[in-house]
Amino acid sequence: LLTPLAAAIAAPTPHFDDQTEPAGAPWFAPSHVHQMVPILVFSVLFHQAVPGLADEITEKATAGTVFGYTFVLCGVAYSLIGIVVAWYFGNGVYESSNLNWESYHGGTGELVLDEDGDYQRIGVAWYFRTVSLFVVCFPAIDVISAFPLNAFVLGNSLMGLVHVDNIHEVESDRRITTAYRAVAAIPPIIGALFVRNLGLITDFSGLTGLAIAFCFPALLYVRSERKLKEMGLDPRTTYERFGSSVRSAWAMFIFGVVTIAYCFTLLVAKG
């Protein structure tokens, strides 16, 4: 966020390769909404962490406010980063925008002609090289560190789904747990060998974010309320807020299904 702003302020001195000023970008492009929405929703998902975090909150009634502020903070931060990066790099922004920092030099160094007739920048300050290396490598390092955790969580979920009646016995069997975690971890690795286009991957994987955000929570709400009523228990909880109703849940579910269908159709149609 800071480096593109600093580069814009320092114009016409280039900070990214030979770019001397912001390229500019439209505020809104309706033709690409089907690509933006799934990724936007997926980027602010933290449903899987809510139960654990809410359990640590002493005043349970404040959980909605806490997570509401979290959504707002994430939304503001992501929006600022997206707007500034799109504004500065314009059509030159990569699908994985961190790659734009590969040529970051902070206005230091000089261009020289090498033996092959290509221009190379030498004498770049070490701290700007450090910033460039960090931004370029961080997403890959982050994915590598989080991937085993995601594989463990998905593997355990699959195991719990299959072995509902004897999950506690199965959990102590290393061979079975390893097999389920392998089922969760290996397919994405094999898929990555054949599909290298990050934009294509995020376009379609982002659709799962719509289901996680709108469809599954709604179905869980409807089912849990129905189950509690069947048991003769009050379905109301201290976590209830505006929209906590079966009608709202079904409306959210329908919205999610329609949005997924809309985005998927346009992604396939536009290739």
C-alpha atoms as a PDB file:
ATOM      1  CA  LEU A   1       0.000   0.000   0.000  1.00  0.00           C
ATOM      2  CA  LEU A   2       2.748   2.461   0.965  1.00  0.00           C
ATOM      3  CA  THR A   3       5.209   1.761  -1.853  1.00  0.00           C
ATOM      4  CA  PRO A   4       2.816   2.584  -4.755  1.00  0.00           C
ATOM      5  CA  LEU A   5       1.722   5.750  -2.923  1.00  0.00           C
ATOM      6  CA  ALA A   6       5.356   6.730  -2.375  1.00  0.00           C
ATOM      7  CA  ALA A   7       6.056   6.038  -6.050  1.00  0.00           C
ATOM      8  CA  ALA A   8       3.133   8.257  -7.083  1.00  0.00           C
ATOM      9  CA  ILE A   9       4.332  11.081  -4.836  1.00  0.00           C
ATOM     10  CA  ALA A  10       7.896  10.768  -6.182  1.00  0.00           C
ATOM     11  CA  ALA A  11       6.755  10.989  -9.842  1.00  0.00           C
ATOM     12  CA  PRO A  12       8.318  11.331 -12.361  1.00  0.00           C
ATOM     13  CA  THR A  13      11.112   9.364 -10.646  1.00  0.00           C
ATOM     14  CA  PRO A  14      10.378   5.685 -11.362  1.00  0.00           C
ATOM     15  CA  HIS A  15      10.113   3.286  -8.400  1.00  0.00           C
ATOM     16  CA  PHE A  16       8.766   0.255 -10.278  1.00  0.00           C
ATOM     17  CA  ASP A  17      10.889  -0.592 -13.310  1.00  0.00           C
ATOM     18  CA  ASP A  18      10.572   2.454 -15.608  1.00  0.00           C
ATOM     19  CA  GLN A  19       6.982   3.429 -14.652  1.00  0.00           C
ATOM     20  CA  THR A  20       7.010   7.140 -13.860  1.00  0.00           C
ATOM     21  CA  GLU A  21       3.382   7.775 -12.852  1.00  0.00           C
ATOM     22  CA  PRO A  22       0.143   5.986 -11.910  1.00  0.00           C
ATOM     23  CA  ALA A  23      -1.441   4.214 -14.866  1.00  0.00           C
ATOM     24  CA  GLY A  24      -4.993   4.791 -13.614  1.00  0.00           C
ATOM     25  CA  ALA A  25      -7.950   2.429 -13.640  1.00  0.00           C
ATOM     26  CA  PRO A  26     -11.751   2.677 -13.918  1.00  0.00           C
ATOM     27  CA  TRP A  27     -13.629   2.828 -10.607  1.00  0.00           C
ATOM     28  CA  PHE A  28     -16.104   0.187 -11.698  1.00  0.00           C
ATOM     29  CA  ALA A  29     -16.122  -2.360 -14.534  1.00  0.00           C
ATOM     30  CA  PRO A  30     -19.466  -4.215 -14.635  1.00  0.00           C
ATOM     31  CA  SER A  31     -18.166  -6.718 -17.182  1.00  0.00           C
ATOM     32  CA  HIS A  32     -15.828  -8.229 -14.565  1.00  0.00           C
ATOM     33  CA  VAL A  33     -18.177  -8.402 -11.567  1.00  0.00           C
ATOM     34  CA  HIS A  34     -18.486 -12.185 -11.979  1.00  0.00           C
ATOM     35  CA  GLN A  35     -14.723 -12.471 -11.429  1.00  0.00           C
ATOM     36  CA  MET A  36     -14.490 -10.049  -8.536  1.00  0.00           C
ATOM     37  CA  VAL A  37     -17.402 -11.196  -6.350  1.00  0.00           C
ATOM     38  CA  PRO A  38     -16.241 -14.792  -5.638  1.00  0.00           C
ATOM     39  CA  ILE A  39     -12.698 -13.686  -4.804  1.00  0.00           C
ATOM     40  CA  LEU A  40     -13.969 -10.780  -2.715  1.00  0.00           C
ATOM     41  CA  VAL A  41     -16.204 -13.040  -0.641  1.00  0.00           C
ATOM     42  CA  PHE A  42     -13.545 -15.741  -0.299  1.00  0.00           C
ATOM     43  CA  SER A  43     -10.977 -13.226   0.975  1.00  0.00           C
ATOM     44  CA  VAL A  44     -13.021 -12.318   4.066  1.00  0.00           C
ATOM     45  CA  LEU A  45     -14.061 -15.822   5.117  1.00  0.00           C
ATOM     46  CA  PHE A  46     -13.173 -16.908   8.628  1.00  0.00           C
ATOM     47  CA  HIS A  47     -16.241 -18.993   9.492  1.00  0.00           C
ATOM     48  CA  GLN A  48     -14.136 -21.964  10.548  1.00  0.00           C
ATOM     49  CA  ALA A  49     -12.454 -19.865  13.244  1.00  0.00           C
ATOM     50  CA  VAL A  50     -15.599 -18.276  14.704  1.00  0.00           C
ATOM     51  CA  PRO A  51     -16.606 -21.066  17.147  1.00  0.00           C
ATOM     52  CA  GLY A  52     -13.139 -21.271  18.657  1.00  0.00           C
ATOM     53  CA  LEU A  53     -12.747 -17.513  18.936  1.00  0.00           C
ATOM     54  CA  ALA A  54     -16.263 -16.980  20.265  1.00  0.00           C
ATOM     55  CA  ASP A  55     -15.638 -19.568  22.969  1.00  0.00           C
ATOM     56  CA  GLU A  56     -12.847 -17.380  24.370  1.00  0.00           C
ATOM     57  CA  ILE A  57     -15.095 -14.301  24.634  1.00  0.00           C
ATOM     58  CA  THR A  58     -16.361 -13.829  28.197  1.00  0.00           C
ATOM     59  CA  GLU A  59     -19.338 -11.684  27.179  1.00  0.00           C
ATOM     60  CA  LYS A  60     -20.931 -13.856  24.502  1.00  0.00           C
ATOM     61  CA  ALA A  61     -23.477 -11.166  23.616  1.00  0.00           C
ATOM     62  CA  THR A  62     -20.639  -9.007  22.245  1.00  0.00           C
ATOM     63  CA  ALA A  63     -19.448 -11.670  19.791  1.00  0.00           C
ATOM     64  CA  GLY A  64     -21.519 -10.220  16.940  1.00  0.00           C
ATOM     65  CA  THR A  65     -20.037  -6.763  17.504  1.00  0.00           C
ATOM     66  CA  VAL A  66     -16.488  -8.122  17.676  1.00  0.00           C
ATOM     67  CA  PHE A  67     -16.783 -10.078  14.434  1.00  0.00           C
ATOM     68  CA  GLY A  68     -18.673  -7.197  12.824  1.00  0.00           C
ATOM     69  CA  TYR A  69     -15.755  -4.849  13.491  1.00  0.00           C
ATOM     70  CA  THR A  70     -13.413  -7.528  12.157  1.00  0.00           C
ATOM     71  CA  PHE A  71     -15.336  -7.661   8.876  1.00  0.00           C
ATOM     72  CA  VAL A  72     -15.254  -3.865   8.597  1.00  0.00           C
ATOM     73  CA  LEU A  73     -11.511  -3.717   9.311  1.00  0.00           C
ATOM     74  CA  CYS A  74     -10.738  -6.425   6.761  1.00  0.00           C
ATOM     75  CA  GLY A  75     -13.017  -4.784   4.203  1.00  0.00           C
ATOM     76  CA  VAL A  76     -11.389  -1.370   4.584  1.00  0.00           C
ATOM     77  CA  ALA A  77      -7.862  -2.805   4.445  1.00  0.00           C
ATOM     78  CA  TYR A  78      -8.506  -4.985   1.394  1.00  0.00           C
ATOM     79  CA  SER A  79     -10.366  -2.187  -0.391  1.00  0.00           C
ATOM     80  CA  LEU A  80      -7.539   0.297   0.139  1.00  0.00           C
ATOM     81  CA  ILE A  81      -4.938  -2.166  -1.104  1.00  0.00           C
ATOM     82  CA  GLY A  82      -7.014  -3.129  -4.134  1.00  0.00           C
ATOM     83  CA  ILE A  83      -7.840   0.455  -5.095  1.00  0.00           C
ATOM     84  CA  VAL A  84      -4.268   1.736  -4.738  1.00  0.00           C
ATOM     85  CA  VAL A  85      -2.683  -1.200  -6.592  1.00  0.00           C
ATOM     86  CA  ALA A  86      -5.223  -1.034  -9.446  1.00  0.00           C
ATOM     87  CA  TRP A  87      -4.878   2.755  -9.651  1.00  0.00           C
ATOM     88  CA  TYR A  88      -1.101   2.715  -9.813  1.00  0.00           C
ATOM     89  CA  PHE A  89      -0.445  -0.288 -12.088  1.00  0.00           C
ATOM     90  CA  GLY A  90      -3.617  -0.136 -14.212  1.00  0.00           C
ATOM     91  CA  ASN A  91      -3.696  -2.778 -16.953  1.00  0.00           C
ATOM     92  CA  GLY A  92      -0.119  -3.675 -16.060  1.00  0.00           C
ATOM     93  CA  VAL A  93      -1.120  -5.335 -12.793  1.00  0.00           C
ATOM     94  CA  TYR A  94      -0.481  -9.075 -12.694  1.00  0.00           C
ATOM     95  CA  GLU A  95      -3.186 -11.550 -11.694  1.00  0.00           C
ATOM     96  CA  SER A  96      -1.018 -12.161  -8.649  1.00  0.00           C
ATOM     97  CA  SER A  97      -0.279  -8.505  -7.946  1.00  0.00           C
ATOM     98  CA  ASN A  98       2.702  -9.220  -5.676  1.00  0.00           C
ATOM     99  CA  LEU A  99       4.694  -9.979  -8.850  1.00  0.00           C
ATOM    100  CA  ASN A 100       4.583  -6.270  -9.708  1.00  0.00           C
ATOM    101  CA  TRP A 101       7.059  -5.770  -6.863  1.00  0.00           C
ATOM    102  CA  GLU A 102       9.675  -7.878  -8.660  1.00  0.00           C
ATOM    103  CA  SER A 103      10.850  -4.717 -10.434  1.00  0.00           C
ATOM    104  CA  TYR A 104      10.599  -2.480  -7.339  1.00  0.00           C
ATOM    105  CA  HIS A 105      13.756  -0.437  -6.753  1.00  0.00           C
ATOM    106  CA  GLY A 106      12.488   2.596  -4.866  1.00  0.00           C
ATOM    107  CA  GLY A 107      14.118   5.065  -7.246  1.00  0.00           C
ATOM    108  CA  THR A 108      17.634   3.798  -6.523  1.00  0.00           C
ATOM    109  CA  GLY A 109      20.220   2.252  -8.820  1.00  0.00           C
ATOM    110  CA  GLU A 110      20.811   2.911 -12.485  1.00  0.00           C
ATOM    111  CA  LEU A 111      20.099   1.208 -15.788  1.00  0.00           C
ATOM    112  CA  VAL A 112      23.070  -0.244 -17.656  1.00  0.00           C
ATOM    113  CA  LEU A 113      23.285  -2.121 -20.925  1.00  0.00           C
ATOM    114  CA  ASP A 114      24.571  -5.669 -20.474  1.00  0.00           C
ATOM    115  CA  GLU A 115      26.450  -7.841 -22.964  1.00  0.00           C
ATOM    116  CA  ASP A 116      23.205  -9.238 -24.394  1.00  0.00           C
ATOM    117  CA  GLY A 117      21.894  -5.798 -25.218  1.00  0.00           C
ATOM    118  CA  ASP A 118      19.340  -5.798 -22.391  1.00  0.00           C
ATOM    119  CA  TYR A 119      19.003  -3.095 -19.765  1.00  0.00           C
ATOM    120  CA  GLN A 120      19.619  -4.159 -16.180  1.00  0.00           C
ATOM    121  CA  ARG A 121      19.259  -2.038 -13.040  1.00  0.00           C
ATOM    122  CA  ILE A 122      22.288  -2.174 -10.750  1.00  0.00           C
ATOM    123  CA  GLY A 123      23.088  -0.508  -7.466  1.00  0.00           C
ATOM    124  CA  VAL A 124      19.576  -0.853  -5.994  1.00  0.00           C
ATOM    125  CA  ALA A 125      19.574  -0.126  -2.261  1.00  0.00           C
ATOM    126  CA  TRP A 126      19.558  -3.317  -0.189  1.00  0.00           C
ATOM    127  CA  TYR A 127      16.509  -2.289   1.820  1.00  0.00           C
ATOM    128  CA  PHE A 128      14.448  -1.813  -1.329  1.00  0.00           C
ATOM    129  CA  ARG A 129      15.642  -5.196  -2.581  1.00  0.00           C
ATOM    130  CA  THR A 130      14.514  -6.646   0.750  1.00  0.00           C
ATOM    131  CA  VAL A 131      11.040  -5.106   0.356  1.00  0.00           C
ATOM    132  CA  SER A 132      10.819  -6.455  -3.201  1.00  0.00           C
ATOM    133  CA  LEU A 133      11.873  -9.955  -2.173  1.00  0.00           C
ATOM    134  CA  PHE A 134       9.502 -10.018   0.801  1.00  0.00           C
ATOM    135  CA  VAL A 135       6.422  -8.950  -1.183  1.00  0.00           C
ATOM    136  CA  VAL A 136       7.167 -11.330  -4.068  1.00  0.00           C
ATOM    137  CA  CYS A 137       7.835 -14.354  -1.843  1.00  0.00           C
ATOM    138  CA  PHE A 138       5.322 -13.804   0.966  1.00  0.00           C
ATOM    139  CA  PRO A 139       2.202 -15.292  -0.740  1.00  0.00           C
ATOM    140  CA  ALA A 140       4.071 -18.485  -1.624  1.00  0.00           C
ATOM    141  CA  ILE A 141       5.505 -18.793   1.895  1.00  0.00           C
ATOM    142  CA  ASP A 142       2.087 -18.117   3.398  1.00  0.00           C
ATOM    143  CA  VAL A 143       0.443 -20.823   1.273  1.00  0.00           C
ATOM    144  CA  ILE A 144       3.191 -23.332   2.064  1.00  0.00           C
ATOM    145  CA  SER A 145       2.781 -22.718   5.795  1.00  0.00           C
ATOM    146  CA  ALA A 146      -1.039 -22.856   5.745  1.00  0.00           C
ATOM    147  CA  PHE A 147      -1.490 -25.779   3.340  1.00  0.00           C
ATOM    148  CA  PRO A 148      -0.667 -28.544   5.867  1.00  0.00           C
ATOM    149  CA  LEU A 149      -3.083 -26.998   8.377  1.00  0.00           C
ATOM    150  CA  ASN A 150      -5.850 -26.858   5.790  1.00  0.00           C
ATOM    151  CA  ALA A 151      -5.148 -30.459   4.795  1.00  0.00           C
ATOM    152  CA  PHE A 152      -5.378 -31.543   8.438  1.00  0.00           C
ATOM    153  CA  VAL A 153      -8.674 -29.717   8.954  1.00  0.00           C
ATOM    154  CA  LEU A 154     -10.261 -31.024   5.738  1.00  0.00           C
ATOM    155  CA  GLY A 155      -8.943 -34.540   6.359  1.00  0.00           C
ATOM    156  CA  ASN A 156     -10.384 -34.566   9.868  1.00  0.00           C
ATOM    157  CA  SER A 157     -13.717 -33.265   8.575  1.00  0.00           C
ATOM    158  CA  LEU A 158     -13.893 -35.993   5.937  1.00  0.00           C
ATOM    159  CA  MET A 159     -13.023 -38.586   8.547  1.00  0.00           C
ATOM    160  CA  GLY A 160     -15.725 -37.299  10.883  1.00  0.00           C
ATOM    161  CA  LEU A 161     -18.248 -37.370   8.032  1.00  0.00           C
ATOM    162  CA  VAL A 162     -17.529 -40.998   7.167  1.00  0.00           C
ATOM    163  CA  HIS A 163     -16.974 -42.366  10.678  1.00  0.00           C
ATOM    164  CA  VAL A 164     -19.777 -40.627  12.541  1.00  0.00           C
ATOM    165  CA  ASP A 165     -20.461 -43.470  14.965  1.00  0.00           C
ATOM    166  CA  ASN A 166     -16.878 -44.399  15.892  1.00  0.00           C
ATOM    167  CA  ILE A 167     -14.891 -41.209  15.319  1.00  0.00           C
ATOM    168  CA  HIS A 168     -13.105 -41.368  18.682  1.00  0.00           C
ATOM    169  CA  GLU A 169     -11.769 -44.864  17.970  1.00  0.00           C
ATOM    170  CA  VAL A 170     -10.721 -43.954  14.434  1.00  0.00           C
ATOM    171  CA  GLU A 171      -8.883 -40.800  15.523  1.00  0.00           C
ATOM    172  CA  SER A 172      -6.352 -42.930  17.398  1.00  0.00           C
ATOM    173  CA  ASP A 173      -5.506 -44.968  14.282  1.00  0.00           C
ATOM    174  CA  ARG A 174      -2.597 -43.199  12.572  1.00  0.00           C
ATOM    175  CA  ARG A 175      -3.010 -45.083   9.309  1.00  0.00           C
ATOM    176  CA  ILE A 176      -6.639 -44.015   8.889  1.00  0.00           C
ATOM    177  CA  THR A 177      -6.001 -40.370   9.847  1.00  0.00           C
ATOM    178  CA  THR A 178      -3.015 -40.208   7.496  1.00  0.00           C
ATOM    179  CA  ALA A 179      -5.090 -41.662   4.667  1.00  0.00           C
ATOM    180  CA  TYR A 180      -7.814 -39.031   5.046  1.00  0.00           C
ATOM    181  CA  ARG A 181      -5.298 -36.205   5.277  1.00  0.00           C
ATOM    182  CA  ALA A 182      -3.606 -37.526   2.144  1.00  0.00           C
ATOM    183  CA  VAL A 183      -6.975 -37.528   0.360  1.00  0.00           C
ATOM    184  CA  ALA A 184      -7.306 -33.865   1.315  1.00  0.00           C
ATOM    185  CA  ALA A 185      -3.735 -32.854   0.421  1.00  0.00           C
ATOM    186  CA  ILE A 186      -2.787 -34.800  -2.718  1.00  0.00           C
ATOM    187  CA  PRO A 187      -5.509 -33.730  -5.228  1.00  0.00           C
ATOM    188  CA  PRO A 188      -4.639 -29.993  -5.023  1.00  0.00           C
ATOM    189  CA  ILE A 189      -0.956 -30.804  -5.584  1.00  0.00           C
ATOM    190  CA  ILE A 190      -1.761 -32.932  -8.643  1.00  0.00           C
ATOM    191  CA  GLY A 191      -4.112 -30.254  -9.957  1.00  0.00           C
ATOM    192  CA  ALA A 192      -1.407 -27.611  -9.616  1.00  0.00           C
ATOM    193  CA  LEU A 193       0.819 -29.646 -11.925  1.00  0.00           C
ATOM    194  CA  PHE A 194      -1.686 -29.252 -14.762  1.00  0.00           C
ATOM    195  CA  VAL A 195      -3.258 -25.832 -14.107  1.00  0.00           C
ATOM    196  CA  ARG A 196      -0.711 -23.058 -13.623  1.00  0.00           C
ATOM    197  CA  ASN A 197      -2.955 -20.098 -14.472  1.00  0.00           C
ATOM    198  CA  LEU A 198      -3.529 -18.427 -11.095  1.00  0.00           C
ATOM    199  CA  GLY A 199      -6.346 -16.294 -12.454  1.00  0.00           C
ATOM    200  CA  LEU A 200      -8.240 -19.358 -13.655  1.00  0.00           C
ATOM    201  CA  ILE A 201      -7.733 -21.075 -10.298  1.00  0.00           C
ATOM    202  CA  THR A 202      -8.965 -18.118  -8.241  1.00  0.00           C
ATOM    203  CA  ASP A 203     -11.925 -17.546 -10.576  1.00  0.00           C
ATOM    204  CA  PHE A 204     -13.376 -21.007  -9.989  1.00  0.00           C
ATOM    205  CA  SER A 205     -12.099 -21.724  -6.461  1.00  0.00           C
ATOM    206  CA  GLY A 206     -13.666 -18.443  -5.393  1.00  0.00           C
ATOM    207  CA  LEU A 207     -17.074 -19.968  -6.143  1.00  0.00           C
ATOM    208  CA  THR A 208     -16.609 -22.227  -3.123  1.00  0.00           C
ATOM    209  CA  GLY A 209     -16.353 -19.073  -1.027  1.00  0.00           C
ATOM    210  CA  LEU A 210     -19.882 -18.121  -2.067  1.00  0.00           C
ATOM    211  CA  ALA A 211     -21.160 -21.513  -0.912  1.00  0.00           C
ATOM    212  CA  ILE A 212     -19.238 -21.299   2.373  1.00  0.00           C
ATOM    213  CA  ALA A 213     -20.422 -17.758   3.038  1.00  0.00           C
ATOM    214  CA  PHE A 214     -24.082 -17.947   2.015  1.00  0.00           C
ATOM    215  CA  CYS A 215     -25.293 -21.518   1.447  1.00  0.00           C
ATOM    216  CA  PHE A 216     -23.825 -23.760   4.149  1.00  0.00           C
ATOM    217  CA  PRO A 217     -24.379 -21.390   7.124  1.00  0.00           C
ATOM    218  CA  ALA A 218     -28.005 -20.894   6.051  1.00  0.00           C
ATOM    219  CA  LEU A 219     -28.652 -24.631   5.827  1.00  0.00           C
ATOM    220  CA  LEU A 220     -26.963 -25.202   9.186  1.00  0.00           C
ATOM    221  CA  TYR A 221     -29.137 -22.510  10.757  1.00  0.00           C
ATOM    222  CA  VAL A 222     -32.357 -24.034   9.406  1.00  0.00           C
ATOM    223  CA  ARG A 223     -31.374 -27.548  10.387  1.00  0.00           C
ATOM    224  CA  SER A 224     -30.154 -26.642  13.882  1.00  0.00           C
ATOM    225  CA  GLU A 225     -33.322 -24.660  14.688  1.00  0.00           C
ATOM    226  CA  ARG A 226     -35.494 -27.510  13.457  1.00  0.00           C
ATOM    227  CA  LYS A 227     -33.514 -30.015  15.532  1.00  0.00           C
ATOM    228  CA  LEU A 228     -33.767 -27.946  18.709  1.00  0.00           C
ATOM    229  CA  LYS A 229     -37.529 -27.566  18.286  1.00  0.00           C
ATOM    230  CA  GLU A 230     -37.865 -31.325  17.812  1.00  0.00           C
ATOM    231  CA  MET A 231     -36.000 -31.787  21.118  1.00  0.00           C
ATOM    232  CA  GLY A 232     -38.281 -29.294  22.832  1.00  0.00           C
ATOM    233  CA  LEU A 233     -35.526 -26.720  23.349  1.00  0.00           C
ATOM    234  CA  ASP A 234     -35.553 -22.980  22.731  1.00  0.00           C
ATOM    235  CA  PRO A 235     -33.650 -22.297  19.475  1.00  0.00           C
ATOM    236  CA  ARG A 236     -32.875 -18.700  20.448  1.00  0.00           C
ATOM    237  CA  THR A 237     -29.285 -18.022  21.585  1.00  0.00           C
ATOM    238  CA  THR A 238     -27.272 -15.096  22.890  1.00  0.00           C
ATOM    239  CA  TYR A 239     -25.593 -14.816  19.472  1.00  0.00           C
ATOM    240  CA  GLU A 240     -28.788 -13.823  17.669  1.00  0.00           C
ATOM    241  CA  ARG A 241     -28.758 -10.540  15.780  1.00  0.00           C
ATOM    242  CA  PHE A 242     -30.703  -8.866  12.986  1.00  0.00           C
ATOM    243  CA  GLY A 243     -31.515 -11.452  10.345  1.00  0.00           C
ATOM    244  CA  SER A 244     -31.461 -14.448  12.700  1.00  0.00           C
ATOM    245  CA  SER A 245     -34.534 -16.199  11.338  1.00  0.00           C
ATOM    246  CA  VAL A 246     -35.420 -19.105   9.101  1.00  0.00           C
ATOM    247  CA  ARG A 247     -36.822 -16.720   6.489  1.00  0.00           C
ATOM    248  CA  SER A 248     -33.549 -14.791   6.366  1.00  0.00           C
ATOM    249  CA  ALA A 249     -31.591 -18.044   6.197  1.00  0.00           C
ATOM    250  CA  TRP A 250     -33.555 -19.257   3.172  1.00  0.00           C
ATOM    251  CA  ALA A 251     -33.178 -15.842   1.512  1.00  0.00           C
ATOM    252  CA  MET A 252     -29.414 -16.027   2.037  1.00  0.00           C
ATOM    253  CA  PHE A 253     -29.298 -19.568   0.668  1.00  0.00           C
ATOM    254  CA  ILE A 254     -31.227 -18.607  -2.475  1.00  0.00           C
ATOM    255  CA  PHE A 255     -28.991 -15.560  -2.960  1.00  0.00           C
ATOM    256  CA  GLY A 256     -25.911 -17.775  -2.706  1.00  0.00           C
ATOM    257  CA  VAL A 257     -27.210 -20.324  -5.208  1.00  0.00           C
ATOM    258  CA  VAL A 258     -28.221 -17.650  -7.722  1.00  0.00           C
ATOM    259  CA  THR A 259     -24.887 -15.851  -7.363  1.00  0.00           C
ATOM    260  CA  ILE A 260     -22.913 -19.061  -7.840  1.00  0.00           C
ATOM    261  CA  ALA A 261     -24.934 -19.943 -10.945  1.00  0.00           C
ATOM    262  CA  TYR A 262     -24.536 -16.415 -12.351  1.00  0.00           C
ATOM    263  CA  CYS A 263     -20.769 -16.244 -11.785  1.00  0.00           C
ATOM    264  CA  PHE A 264     -20.151 -19.815 -12.993  1.00  0.00           C
ATOM    265  CA  THR A 265     -22.159 -19.264 -16.184  1.00  0.00           C
ATOM    266  CA  LEU A 266     -20.266 -16.091 -17.081  1.00  0.00           C
ATOM    267  CA  LEU A 267     -16.871 -17.628 -16.203  1.00  0.00           C
ATOM    268  CA  VAL A 268     -17.543 -20.527 -18.569  1.00  0.00           C
ATOM    269  CA  ALA A 269     -19.108 -18.376 -21.289  1.00  0.00           C
ATOM    270  CA  LYS A 270     -16.304 -15.813 -21.322  1.00  0.00           C
ATOM    271  CA  GLY A 271     -13.606 -18.445 -21.035  1.00  0.00           C
END
